[in-house]
Amino acid sequence: MAREVMAWSAHSNGNRVVAVAVMRAAADEEDAAEKLPVTPGPILPAREQLADLLLEQGYPGQASKEFATALANAPGRRGALQGAARAAKLSSHN
């Protein structure tokens, strides 16, 4: 979670490239971690946050890919479904 906070902080300070790189590292690390079936998943997965970050930075196409990965890892997540729909709508306007 520390990397996720660092990424959002970098984004708010205008360091867009750093923000994406740090959030991608957090998402990749989280995806690689083994999760036992009896343990809860993250409240807001890093991959979903990466997609949100890309969407906020104006990259709906890249965000769509990350939302798809987030949904493959955690099917049916409301935030990822809504984000994917938002990204698709923005992509169609480009």
PDB file of N, CA and C in Angstrom:
ATOM      1  N   MET A   1       0.809  -1.193   0.000  1.00  0.00           N
ATOM      2  CA  MET A   1       0.000   0.000   0.000  1.00  0.00           C
ATOM      3  C   MET A   1       0.858   1.266   0.000  1.00  0.00           C
ATOM      4  N   ALA A   2       2.064   1.151   0.513  1.00  0.00           N
ATOM      5  CA  ALA A   2       2.942   2.327   0.555  1.00  0.00           C
ATOM      6  C   ALA A   2       3.235   2.826  -0.857  1.00  0.00           C
ATOM      7  N   ARG A   3       3.454   1.905  -1.783  1.00  0.00           N
ATOM      8  CA  ARG A   3       3.727   2.325  -3.168  1.00  0.00           C
ATOM      9  C   ARG A   3       2.509   3.007  -3.779  1.00  0.00           C
ATOM     10  N   GLU A   4       1.343   2.514  -3.443  1.00  0.00           N
ATOM     11  CA  GLU A   4       0.131   3.113  -3.979  1.00  0.00           C
ATOM     12  C   GLU A   4       0.000   4.562  -3.507  1.00  0.00           C
ATOM     13  N   VAL A   5       0.280   4.792  -2.230  1.00  0.00           N
ATOM     14  CA  VAL A   5       0.246   6.151  -1.693  1.00  0.00           C
ATOM     15  C   VAL A   5       1.310   7.008  -2.368  1.00  0.00           C
ATOM     16  N   MET A   6       2.501   6.452  -2.545  1.00  0.00           N
ATOM     17  CA  MET A   6       3.580   7.187  -3.208  1.00  0.00           C
ATOM     18  C   MET A   6       3.180   7.564  -4.639  1.00  0.00           C
ATOM     19  N   ALA A   7       2.505   6.648  -5.332  1.00  0.00           N
ATOM     20  CA  ALA A   7       2.095   6.909  -6.710  1.00  0.00           C
ATOM     21  C   ALA A   7       1.075   8.037  -6.773  1.00  0.00           C
ATOM     22  N   TRP A   8       0.077   7.997  -5.911  1.00  0.00           N
ATOM     23  CA  TRP A   8      -0.931   9.061  -5.918  1.00  0.00           C
ATOM     24  C   TRP A   8      -0.321  10.392  -5.501  1.00  0.00           C
ATOM     25  N   SER A   9       0.628  10.352  -4.597  1.00  0.00           N
ATOM     26  CA  SER A   9       1.321  11.573  -4.179  1.00  0.00           C
ATOM     27  C   SER A   9       2.115  12.156  -5.342  1.00  0.00           C
ATOM     28  N   ALA A  10       2.822  11.301  -6.060  1.00  0.00           N
ATOM     29  CA  ALA A  10       3.581  11.754  -7.235  1.00  0.00           C
ATOM     30  C   ALA A  10       2.636  12.360  -8.270  1.00  0.00           C
ATOM     31  N   HIS A  11       1.504  11.736  -8.470  1.00  0.00           N
ATOM     32  CA  HIS A  11       0.513  12.242  -9.427  1.00  0.00           C
ATOM     33  C   HIS A  11       0.024  13.629  -9.009  1.00  0.00           C
ATOM     34  N   SER A  12      -0.289  13.777  -7.731  1.00  0.00           N
ATOM     35  CA  SER A  12      -0.800  15.068  -7.264  1.00  0.00           C
ATOM     36  C   SER A  12       0.262  16.165  -7.330  1.00  0.00           C
ATOM     37  N   ASN A  13       1.535  15.755  -7.334  1.00  0.00           N
ATOM     38  CA  ASN A  13       2.632  16.716  -7.450  1.00  0.00           C
ATOM     39  C   ASN A  13       3.051  16.948  -8.901  1.00  0.00           C
ATOM     40  N   GLY A  14       2.305  16.362  -9.842  1.00  0.00           N
ATOM     41  CA  GLY A  14       2.589  16.584 -11.256  1.00  0.00           C
ATOM     42  C   GLY A  14       3.607  15.642 -11.861  1.00  0.00           C
ATOM     43  N   ASN A  15       4.052  14.654 -11.110  1.00  0.00           N
ATOM     44  CA  ASN A  15       5.038  13.677 -11.608  1.00  0.00           C
ATOM     45  C   ASN A  15       4.304  12.481 -12.211  1.00  0.00           C
ATOM     46  N   ARG A  16       3.686  12.702 -13.346  1.00  0.00           N
ATOM     47  CA  ARG A  16       2.816  11.697 -13.963  1.00  0.00           C
ATOM     48  C   ARG A  16       3.540  10.403 -14.330  1.00  0.00           C
ATOM     49  N   VAL A  17       4.730  10.525 -14.906  1.00  0.00           N
ATOM     50  CA  VAL A  17       5.478   9.337 -15.335  1.00  0.00           C
ATOM     51  C   VAL A  17       5.887   8.508 -14.118  1.00  0.00           C
ATOM     52  N   VAL A  18       6.368   9.184 -13.089  1.00  0.00           N
ATOM     53  CA  VAL A  18       6.756   8.490 -11.855  1.00  0.00           C
ATOM     54  C   VAL A  18       5.539   7.823 -11.232  1.00  0.00           C
ATOM     55  N   ALA A  19       4.414   8.521 -11.220  1.00  0.00           N
ATOM     56  CA  ALA A  19       3.195   7.984 -10.627  1.00  0.00           C
ATOM     57  C   ALA A  19       2.796   6.664 -11.292  1.00  0.00           C
ATOM     58  N   VAL A  20       2.797   6.640 -12.610  1.00  0.00           N
ATOM     59  CA  VAL A  20       2.415   5.428 -13.339  1.00  0.00           C
ATOM     60  C   VAL A  20       3.425   4.314 -13.086  1.00  0.00           C
ATOM     61  N   ALA A  21       4.708   4.638 -13.105  1.00  0.00           N
ATOM     62  CA  ALA A  21       5.741   3.619 -12.898  1.00  0.00           C
ATOM     63  C   ALA A  21       5.629   2.994 -11.501  1.00  0.00           C
ATOM     64  N   VAL A  22       5.426   3.823 -10.497  1.00  0.00           N
ATOM     65  CA  VAL A  22       5.328   3.313  -9.123  1.00  0.00           C
ATOM     66  C   VAL A  22       4.053   2.493  -8.952  1.00  0.00           C
ATOM     67  N   MET A  23       2.934   2.969  -9.512  1.00  0.00           N
ATOM     68  CA  MET A  23       1.678   2.230  -9.382  1.00  0.00           C
ATOM     69  C   MET A  23       1.746   0.921 -10.157  1.00  0.00           C
ATOM     70  N   ARG A  24       2.395   0.920 -11.317  1.00  0.00           N
ATOM     71  CA  ARG A  24       2.535  -0.325 -12.089  1.00  0.00           C
ATOM     72  C   ARG A  24       3.363  -1.341 -11.305  1.00  0.00           C
ATOM     73  N   ALA A  25       4.422  -0.878 -10.652  1.00  0.00           N
ATOM     74  CA  ALA A  25       5.240  -1.774  -9.829  1.00  0.00           C
ATOM     75  C   ALA A  25       4.410  -2.349  -8.685  1.00  0.00           C
ATOM     76  N   ALA A  26       3.582  -1.517  -8.068  1.00  0.00           N
ATOM     77  CA  ALA A  26       2.721  -1.995  -6.975  1.00  0.00           C
ATOM     78  C   ALA A  26       1.720  -3.021  -7.497  1.00  0.00           C
ATOM     79  N   ALA A  27       1.144  -2.761  -8.657  1.00  0.00           N
ATOM     80  CA  ALA A  27       0.172  -3.685  -9.243  1.00  0.00           C
ATOM     81  C   ALA A  27       0.825  -5.011  -9.621  1.00  0.00           C
ATOM     82  N   ASP A  28       2.000  -4.945 -10.230  1.00  0.00           N
ATOM     83  CA  ASP A  28       2.708  -6.170 -10.615  1.00  0.00           C
ATOM     84  C   ASP A  28       3.073  -6.995  -9.385  1.00  0.00           C
ATOM     85  N   GLU A  29       3.519  -6.309  -8.334  1.00  0.00           N
ATOM     86  CA  GLU A  29       3.884  -7.008  -7.096  1.00  0.00           C
ATOM     87  C   GLU A  29       2.656  -7.658  -6.466  1.00  0.00           C
ATOM     88  N   GLU A  30       1.556  -6.937  -6.433  1.00  0.00           N
ATOM     89  CA  GLU A  30       0.328  -7.476  -5.856  1.00  0.00           C
ATOM     90  C   GLU A  30      -0.179  -8.667  -6.666  1.00  0.00           C
ATOM     91  N   ASP A  31      -0.113  -8.570  -7.991  1.00  0.00           N
ATOM     92  CA  ASP A  31      -0.558  -9.672  -8.847  1.00  0.00           C
ATOM     93  C   ASP A  31       0.291 -10.923  -8.649  1.00  0.00           C
ATOM     94  N   ALA A  32       1.569 -10.740  -8.369  1.00  0.00           N
ATOM     95  CA  ALA A  32       2.483 -11.871  -8.213  1.00  0.00           C
ATOM     96  C   ALA A  32       2.370 -12.548  -6.847  1.00  0.00           C
ATOM     97  N   ALA A  33       1.808 -11.840  -5.874  1.00  0.00           N
ATOM     98  CA  ALA A  33       1.702 -12.405  -4.522  1.00  0.00           C
ATOM     99  C   ALA A  33       0.631 -13.486  -4.491  1.00  0.00           C
ATOM    100  N   GLU A  34       0.968 -14.594  -3.861  1.00  0.00           N
ATOM    101  CA  GLU A  34      -0.021 -15.659  -3.714  1.00  0.00           C
ATOM    102  C   GLU A  34      -1.041 -15.253  -2.666  1.00  0.00           C
ATOM    103  N   LYS A  35      -2.309 -15.492  -2.980  1.00  0.00           N
ATOM    104  CA  LYS A  35      -3.381 -15.181  -2.054  1.00  0.00           C
ATOM    105  C   LYS A  35      -4.100 -16.469  -1.707  1.00  0.00           C
ATOM    106  N   LEU A  36      -4.182 -16.727  -0.428  1.00  0.00           N
ATOM    107  CA  LEU A  36      -4.904 -17.911   0.026  1.00  0.00           C
ATOM    108  C   LEU A  36      -6.404 -17.683  -0.120  1.00  0.00           C
ATOM    109  N   PRO A  37      -7.166 -18.718  -0.431  1.00  0.00           N
ATOM    110  CA  PRO A  37      -8.604 -18.538  -0.647  1.00  0.00           C
ATOM    111  C   PRO A  37      -9.358 -18.010   0.577  1.00  0.00           C
ATOM    112  N   VAL A  38      -8.810 -18.218   1.766  1.00  0.00           N
ATOM    113  CA  VAL A  38      -9.517 -17.787   2.978  1.00  0.00           C
ATOM    114  C   VAL A  38      -9.142 -16.384   3.433  1.00  0.00           C
ATOM    115  N   THR A  39      -8.162 -15.771   2.777  1.00  0.00           N
ATOM    116  CA  THR A  39      -7.770 -14.421   3.167  1.00  0.00           C
ATOM    117  C   THR A  39      -8.456 -13.409   2.261  1.00  0.00           C
ATOM    118  N   PRO A  40      -8.827 -12.269   2.811  1.00  0.00           N
ATOM    119  CA  PRO A  40      -9.485 -11.261   1.968  1.00  0.00           C
ATOM    120  C   PRO A  40      -8.492 -10.624   1.008  1.00  0.00           C
ATOM    121  N   GLY A  41      -9.000 -10.163  -0.106  1.00  0.00           N
ATOM    122  CA  GLY A  41      -8.174  -9.445  -1.062  1.00  0.00           C
ATOM    123  C   GLY A  41      -8.039  -7.996  -0.637  1.00  0.00           C
ATOM    124  N   PRO A  42      -7.293  -7.222  -1.404  1.00  0.00           N
ATOM    125  CA  PRO A  42      -7.131  -5.799  -1.075  1.00  0.00           C
ATOM    126  C   PRO A  42      -8.468  -5.063  -1.202  1.00  0.00           C
ATOM    127  N   ILE A  43      -8.622  -4.018  -0.421  1.00  0.00           N
ATOM    128  CA  ILE A  43      -9.845  -3.225  -0.477  1.00  0.00           C
ATOM    129  C   ILE A  43      -9.978  -2.574  -1.848  1.00  0.00           C
ATOM    130  N   LEU A  44      -8.899  -2.018  -2.331  1.00  0.00           N
ATOM    131  CA  LEU A  44      -8.861  -1.428  -3.669  1.00  0.00           C
ATOM    132  C   LEU A  44      -7.590  -1.921  -4.346  1.00  0.00           C
ATOM    133  N   PRO A  45      -7.719  -2.927  -5.223  1.00  0.00           N
ATOM    134  CA  PRO A  45      -6.534  -3.519  -5.843  1.00  0.00           C
ATOM    135  C   PRO A  45      -5.669  -2.487  -6.569  1.00  0.00           C
ATOM    136  N   ALA A  46      -4.372  -2.705  -6.496  1.00  0.00           N
ATOM    137  CA  ALA A  46      -3.421  -1.792  -7.133  1.00  0.00           C
ATOM    138  C   ALA A  46      -3.634  -1.733  -8.640  1.00  0.00           C
ATOM    139  N   ARG A  47      -4.002  -2.847  -9.265  1.00  0.00           N
ATOM    140  CA  ARG A  47      -4.226  -2.853 -10.720  1.00  0.00           C
ATOM    141  C   ARG A  47      -5.403  -1.939 -11.072  1.00  0.00           C
ATOM    142  N   GLU A  48      -6.433  -1.970 -10.249  1.00  0.00           N
ATOM    143  CA  GLU A  48      -7.583  -1.098 -10.460  1.00  0.00           C
ATOM    144  C   GLU A  48      -7.182   0.372 -10.249  1.00  0.00           C
ATOM    145  N   GLN A  49      -6.328   0.619  -9.261  1.00  0.00           N
ATOM    146  CA  GLN A  49      -5.844   1.979  -9.034  1.00  0.00           C
ATOM    147  C   GLN A  49      -4.989   2.457 -10.202  1.00  0.00           C
ATOM    148  N   LEU A  50      -4.194   1.559 -10.774  1.00  0.00           N
ATOM    149  CA  LEU A  50      -3.391   1.908 -11.947  1.00  0.00           C
ATOM    150  C   LEU A  50      -4.313   2.328 -13.087  1.00  0.00           C
ATOM    151  N   ALA A  51      -5.376   1.571 -13.291  1.00  0.00           N
ATOM    152  CA  ALA A  51      -6.331   1.912 -14.344  1.00  0.00           C
ATOM    153  C   ALA A  51      -6.979   3.262 -14.069  1.00  0.00           C
ATOM    154  N   ASP A  52      -7.368   3.504 -12.816  1.00  0.00           N
ATOM    155  CA  ASP A  52      -7.948   4.800 -12.450  1.00  0.00           C
ATOM    156  C   ASP A  52      -6.954   5.937 -12.707  1.00  0.00           C
ATOM    157  N   LEU A  53      -5.712   5.709 -12.362  1.00  0.00           N
ATOM    158  CA  LEU A  53      -4.663   6.706 -12.558  1.00  0.00           C
ATOM    159  C   LEU A  53      -4.495   7.020 -14.047  1.00  0.00           C
ATOM    160  N   LEU A  54      -4.435   5.984 -14.868  1.00  0.00           N
ATOM    161  CA  LEU A  54      -4.304   6.182 -16.316  1.00  0.00           C
ATOM    162  C   LEU A  54      -5.511   6.917 -16.884  1.00  0.00           C
ATOM    163  N   LEU A  55      -6.677   6.587 -16.383  1.00  0.00           N
ATOM    164  CA  LEU A  55      -7.895   7.263 -16.831  1.00  0.00           C
ATOM    165  C   LEU A  55      -7.851   8.739 -16.445  1.00  0.00           C
ATOM    166  N   GLU A  56      -7.433   9.015 -15.235  1.00  0.00           N
ATOM    167  CA  GLU A  56      -7.335  10.397 -14.769  1.00  0.00           C
ATOM    168  C   GLU A  56      -6.303  11.185 -15.571  1.00  0.00           C
ATOM    169  N   GLN A  57      -5.268  10.502 -16.038  1.00  0.00           N
ATOM    170  CA  GLN A  57      -4.227  11.174 -16.811  1.00  0.00           C
ATOM    171  C   GLN A  57      -4.590  11.299 -18.300  1.00  0.00           C
ATOM    172  N   GLY A  58      -5.746  10.772 -18.677  1.00  0.00           N
ATOM    173  CA  GLY A  58      -6.201  10.927 -20.057  1.00  0.00           C
ATOM    174  C   GLY A  58      -5.797   9.812 -21.002  1.00  0.00           C
ATOM    175  N   TYR A  59      -5.578   8.635 -20.476  1.00  0.00           N
ATOM    176  CA  TYR A  59      -5.210   7.476 -21.301  1.00  0.00           C
ATOM    177  C   TYR A  59      -6.266   6.379 -21.187  1.00  0.00           C
ATOM    178  N   PRO A  60      -7.456   6.598 -21.747  1.00  0.00           N
ATOM    179  CA  PRO A  60      -8.529   5.618 -21.583  1.00  0.00           C
ATOM    180  C   PRO A  60      -8.241   4.262 -22.214  1.00  0.00           C
ATOM    181  N   GLY A  61      -7.497   4.235 -23.309  1.00  0.00           N
ATOM    182  CA  GLY A  61      -7.165   2.954 -23.937  1.00  0.00           C
ATOM    183  C   GLY A  61      -6.304   2.086 -23.034  1.00  0.00           C
ATOM    184  N   GLN A  62      -5.273   2.693 -22.453  1.00  0.00           N
ATOM    185  CA  GLN A  62      -4.416   1.956 -21.518  1.00  0.00           C
ATOM    186  C   GLN A  62      -5.191   1.581 -20.265  1.00  0.00           C
ATOM    187  N   ALA A  63      -6.054   2.490 -19.817  1.00  0.00           N
ATOM    188  CA  ALA A  63      -6.864   2.213 -18.636  1.00  0.00           C
ATOM    189  C   ALA A  63      -7.772   1.010 -18.878  1.00  0.00           C
ATOM    190  N   SER A  64      -8.348   0.922 -20.066  1.00  0.00           N
ATOM    191  CA  SER A  64      -9.229  -0.213 -20.399  1.00  0.00           C
ATOM    192  C   SER A  64      -8.505  -1.540 -20.238  1.00  0.00           C
ATOM    193  N   LYS A  65      -7.259  -1.597 -20.705  1.00  0.00           N
ATOM    194  CA  LYS A  65      -6.478  -2.831 -20.595  1.00  0.00           C
ATOM    195  C   LYS A  65      -6.240  -3.191 -19.135  1.00  0.00           C
ATOM    196  N   GLU A  66      -5.934  -2.188 -18.313  1.00  0.00           N
ATOM    197  CA  GLU A  66      -5.681  -2.449 -16.893  1.00  0.00           C
ATOM    198  C   GLU A  66      -6.965  -2.833 -16.163  1.00  0.00           C
ATOM    199  N   PHE A  67      -8.087  -2.212 -16.529  1.00  0.00           N
ATOM    200  CA  PHE A  67      -9.367  -2.607 -15.923  1.00  0.00           C
ATOM    201  C   PHE A  67      -9.695  -4.050 -16.293  1.00  0.00           C
ATOM    202  N   ALA A  68      -9.412  -4.443 -17.532  1.00  0.00           N
ATOM    203  CA  ALA A  68      -9.664  -5.828 -17.952  1.00  0.00           C
ATOM    204  C   ALA A  68      -8.835  -6.802 -17.129  1.00  0.00           C
ATOM    205  N   THR A  69      -7.573  -6.462 -16.892  1.00  0.00           N
ATOM    206  CA  THR A  69      -6.711  -7.310 -16.064  1.00  0.00           C
ATOM    207  C   THR A  69      -7.226  -7.345 -14.628  1.00  0.00           C
ATOM    208  N   ALA A  70      -7.632  -6.193 -14.113  1.00  0.00           N
ATOM    209  CA  ALA A  70      -8.171  -6.134 -12.753  1.00  0.00           C
ATOM    210  C   ALA A  70      -9.407  -7.013 -12.630  1.00  0.00           C
ATOM    211  N   LEU A  71     -10.269  -6.983 -13.631  1.00  0.00           N
ATOM    212  CA  LEU A  71     -11.483  -7.801 -13.597  1.00  0.00           C
ATOM    213  C   LEU A  71     -11.186  -9.286 -13.779  1.00  0.00           C
ATOM    214  N   ALA A  72     -10.124  -9.611 -14.496  1.00  0.00           N
ATOM    215  CA  ALA A  72      -9.727 -11.017 -14.620  1.00  0.00           C
ATOM    216  C   ALA A  72      -9.246 -11.543 -13.268  1.00  0.00           C
ATOM    217  N   ASN A  73      -8.566 -10.675 -12.515  1.00  0.00           N
ATOM    218  CA  ASN A  73      -8.056 -11.063 -11.191  1.00  0.00           C
ATOM    219  C   ASN A  73      -9.148 -11.066 -10.130  1.00  0.00           C
ATOM    220  N   ALA A  74     -10.115 -10.171 -10.251  1.00  0.00           N
ATOM    221  CA  ALA A  74     -11.195 -10.048  -9.266  1.00  0.00           C
ATOM    222  C   ALA A  74     -12.494  -9.758 -10.018  1.00  0.00           C
ATOM    223  N   PRO A  75     -13.109 -10.794 -10.582  1.00  0.00           N
ATOM    224  CA  PRO A  75     -14.311 -10.601 -11.407  1.00  0.00           C
ATOM    225  C   PRO A  75     -15.450  -9.908 -10.642  1.00  0.00           C
ATOM    226  N   GLY A  76     -16.139  -9.045 -11.371  1.00  0.00           N
ATOM    227  CA  GLY A  76     -17.340  -8.440 -10.830  1.00  0.00           C
ATOM    228  C   GLY A  76     -17.147  -7.262  -9.894  1.00  0.00           C
ATOM    229  N   ARG A  77     -15.916  -6.805  -9.711  1.00  0.00           N
ATOM    230  CA  ARG A  77     -15.704  -5.652  -8.820  1.00  0.00           C
ATOM    231  C   ARG A  77     -16.402  -4.431  -9.412  1.00  0.00           C
ATOM    232  N   ARG A  78     -17.252  -3.833  -8.608  1.00  0.00           N
ATOM    233  CA  ARG A  78     -18.054  -2.698  -9.068  1.00  0.00           C
ATOM    234  C   ARG A  78     -17.181  -1.542  -9.569  1.00  0.00           C
ATOM    235  N   GLY A  79     -16.162  -1.180  -8.820  1.00  0.00           N
ATOM    236  CA  GLY A  79     -15.305  -0.065  -9.222  1.00  0.00           C
ATOM    237  C   GLY A  79     -14.618  -0.322 -10.551  1.00  0.00           C
ATOM    238  N   ALA A  80     -14.146  -1.542 -10.755  1.00  0.00           N
ATOM    239  CA  ALA A  80     -13.480  -1.885 -12.013  1.00  0.00           C
ATOM    240  C   ALA A  80     -14.483  -1.918 -13.164  1.00  0.00           C
ATOM    241  N   LEU A  81     -15.678  -2.419 -12.911  1.00  0.00           N
ATOM    242  CA  LEU A  81     -16.707  -2.437 -13.957  1.00  0.00           C
ATOM    243  C   LEU A  81     -17.088  -1.014 -14.361  1.00  0.00           C
ATOM    244  N   GLN A  82     -17.272  -0.141 -13.372  1.00  0.00           N
ATOM    245  CA  GLN A  82     -17.614   1.247 -13.667  1.00  0.00           C
ATOM    246  C   GLN A  82     -16.466   1.959 -14.373  1.00  0.00           C
ATOM    247  N   GLY A  83     -15.244   1.695 -13.925  1.00  0.00           N
ATOM    248  CA  GLY A  83     -14.084   2.304 -14.555  1.00  0.00           C
ATOM    249  C   GLY A  83     -13.916   1.840 -15.990  1.00  0.00           C
ATOM    250  N   ALA A  84     -14.143   0.549 -16.231  1.00  0.00           N
ATOM    251  CA  ALA A  84     -14.031   0.010 -17.584  1.00  0.00           C
ATOM    252  C   ALA A  84     -15.062   0.655 -18.503  1.00  0.00           C
ATOM    253  N   ALA A  85     -16.266   0.848 -17.989  1.00  0.00           N
ATOM    254  CA  ALA A  85     -17.311   1.494 -18.786  1.00  0.00           C
ATOM    255  C   ALA A  85     -16.939   2.948 -19.090  1.00  0.00           C
ATOM    256  N   ARG A  86     -16.406   3.646 -18.103  1.00  0.00           N
ATOM    257  CA  ARG A  86     -15.976   5.037 -18.290  1.00  0.00           C
ATOM    258  C   ARG A  86     -14.860   5.113 -19.332  1.00  0.00           C
ATOM    259  N   ALA A  87     -13.874   4.186 -19.215  1.00  0.00           N
ATOM    260  CA  ALA A  87     -12.755   4.177 -20.152  1.00  0.00           C
ATOM    261  C   ALA A  87     -13.237   3.886 -21.572  1.00  0.00           C
ATOM    262  N   ALA A  88     -14.168   2.945 -21.695  1.00  0.00           N
ATOM    263  CA  ALA A  88     -14.690   2.612 -23.025  1.00  0.00           C
ATOM    264  C   ALA A  88     -15.407   3.812 -23.643  1.00  0.00           C
ATOM    265  N   LYS A  89     -16.180   4.510 -22.825  1.00  0.00           N
ATOM    266  CA  LYS A  89     -16.901   5.689 -23.320  1.00  0.00           C
ATOM    267  C   LYS A  89     -15.929   6.774 -23.764  1.00  0.00           C
ATOM    268  N   LEU A  90     -14.890   7.022 -22.958  1.00  0.00           N
ATOM    269  CA  LEU A  90     -13.901   8.032 -23.316  1.00  0.00           C
ATOM    270  C   LEU A  90     -13.099   7.621 -24.547  1.00  0.00           C
ATOM    271  N   SER A  91     -12.801   6.333 -24.677  1.00  0.00           N
ATOM    272  CA  SER A  91     -12.053   5.845 -25.842  1.00  0.00           C
ATOM    273  C   SER A  91     -12.856   6.036 -27.126  1.00  0.00           C
ATOM    274  N   SER A  92     -14.162   5.873 -27.032  1.00  0.00           N
ATOM    275  CA  SER A  92     -15.002   6.000 -28.226  1.00  0.00           C
ATOM    276  C   SER A  92     -15.127   7.449 -28.691  1.00  0.00           C
ATOM    277  N   HIS A  93     -14.826   8.393 -27.797  1.00  0.00           N
ATOM    278  CA  HIS A  93     -14.900   9.809 -28.155  1.00  0.00           C
ATOM    279  C   HIS A  93     -13.586  10.322 -28.762  1.00  0.00           C
ATOM    280  N   ASN A  94     -12.542   9.514 -28.731  1.00  0.00           N
ATOM    281  CA  ASN A  94     -11.241   9.954 -29.274  1.00  0.00           C
ATOM    282  C   ASN A  94     -11.153   9.699 -30.745  1.00  0.00           C
TER     283      ASN A  94
END
